[in-house]
Amino acid sequence: MLHHTAVLWCGEIAQPGHSYQNNKWVLAGQLGGYLKTQQFFDWDGDNVRWSGSPPSVPSNGDLFTTLANGMGVPTEKFGHAAACRGEIADIKA
């Protein structure tokens, strides 16, 4: 149903208070075959658990870079340059 679409549901601030912990995001769709499906990533504070084995924890900007490229907007980095490393290879098809 979402083969040519990507839907990102995100909350910038988690609970309790203005913490970054327990922050939930959902990315659905294949973006025309650009994205893999059926993946789960869980960041629990500084303890990171992945269903795969990426080299480091990607930033929000890395996700936005991947989505922009998947939509045909050539982008190397999005947001703060020091925090963004580029596309997230593990979510690309």
Protein backbone atom coordinates (compact mmCIF):
# COMPACT_ATOMS: atom_id res chain seq x y z
CA MET A 1 0.00 0.00 0.00
CA LEU A 2 2.87 2.41 0.75
CA HIS A 3 5.25 1.31 -2.01
CA HIS A 4 5.68 4.82 -3.47
CA THR A 5 5.30 6.64 -0.14
CA ALA A 6 7.15 7.20 3.11
CA VAL A 7 5.34 8.36 6.22
CA LEU A 8 7.38 9.54 9.22
CA TRP A 9 5.59 9.88 12.53
CA CYS A 10 7.85 11.44 15.13
CA GLY A 11 7.90 13.20 18.46
CA GLU A 12 10.81 15.56 19.12
CA ILE A 13 10.47 15.51 22.89
CA ALA A 14 9.94 12.31 24.86
CA GLN A 15 8.70 11.73 28.38
CA PRO A 16 9.34 12.50 31.18
CA GLY A 17 9.88 16.22 30.69
CA HIS A 18 12.02 17.35 27.78
CA SER A 19 14.18 14.24 27.64
CA TYR A 20 15.50 12.61 24.48
CA GLN A 21 15.08 9.17 26.04
CA ASN A 22 12.07 7.02 25.18
CA ASN A 23 11.51 9.04 22.00
CA LYS A 24 9.35 7.08 19.55
CA TRP A 25 9.49 7.44 15.75
CA VAL A 26 7.79 5.30 13.11
CA LEU A 27 8.81 5.22 9.44
CA ALA A 28 6.46 3.35 7.12
CA GLY A 29 6.59 2.76 3.38
CA GLN A 30 9.15 1.84 0.74
CA LEU A 31 9.58 5.24 -0.95
CA GLY A 32 9.46 3.67 -4.40
CA GLY A 33 11.76 0.81 -3.38
CA TYR A 34 14.39 3.12 -1.85
CA LEU A 35 13.80 1.90 1.72
CA LYS A 36 13.87 -1.55 3.32
CA THR A 37 10.84 -2.59 5.30
CA GLN A 38 10.24 -4.70 8.40
CA GLN A 39 13.02 -3.22 10.52
CA PHE A 40 13.04 -2.24 14.18
CA PHE A 41 15.51 0.10 15.86
CA ASP A 42 15.49 0.75 19.62
CA TRP A 43 17.53 3.51 21.26
CA ASP A 44 17.32 3.24 25.05
CA GLY A 45 19.22 6.25 26.39
CA ASP A 46 22.91 5.56 25.75
CA ASN A 47 22.32 1.80 25.49
CA VAL A 48 21.57 1.12 21.84
CA ARG A 49 20.01 -2.12 20.59
CA TRP A 50 19.60 -2.76 16.86
CA SER A 51 18.07 -5.53 14.82
CA GLY A 52 21.15 -5.23 12.56
CA SER A 53 24.67 -4.08 13.35
CA PRO A 54 25.32 -0.49 12.18
CA PRO A 55 28.65 1.17 13.01
CA SER A 56 27.09 4.02 15.04
CA VAL A 57 23.79 5.58 16.04
CA PRO A 58 22.44 7.78 13.24
CA SER A 59 21.12 11.27 13.94
CA ASN A 60 17.77 12.77 12.97
CA GLY A 61 19.62 14.58 10.19
CA ASP A 62 20.87 11.24 8.83
CA LEU A 63 17.27 10.04 8.54
CA PHE A 64 16.18 13.28 6.86
CA THR A 65 19.13 13.02 4.44
CA THR A 66 18.08 9.48 3.50
CA LEU A 67 14.46 10.53 2.98
CA ALA A 68 15.42 13.57 0.86
CA ASN A 69 17.61 11.45 -1.42
CA GLY A 70 14.86 8.86 -1.70
CA MET A 71 12.49 11.60 -2.87
CA GLY A 72 14.93 12.70 -5.56
CA VAL A 73 16.41 15.70 -3.73
CA PRO A 74 20.22 15.20 -3.81
CA THR A 75 21.39 15.91 -0.27
CA GLU A 76 24.71 15.09 1.42
CA LYS A 77 23.82 16.19 4.95
CA PHE A 78 20.84 17.70 6.75
CA GLY A 79 21.08 19.84 9.87
CA HIS A 80 24.14 20.38 12.04
CA ALA A 81 27.18 19.18 10.08
CA ALA A 82 28.93 17.67 13.12
CA ALA A 83 25.90 15.56 14.05
CA CYS A 84 25.03 14.35 10.53
CA ARG A 85 27.08 11.69 8.79
CA GLY A 86 24.87 11.25 5.71
CA GLU A 87 22.47 8.56 4.58
CA ILE A 88 21.64 5.57 6.77
CA ALA A 89 22.76 2.64 4.64
CA ASP A 90 20.98 0.08 6.86
CA ILE A 91 17.51 1.39 5.97
CA LYS A 92 18.13 1.60 2.23
CA ALA A 93 17.02 -1.24 -0.03
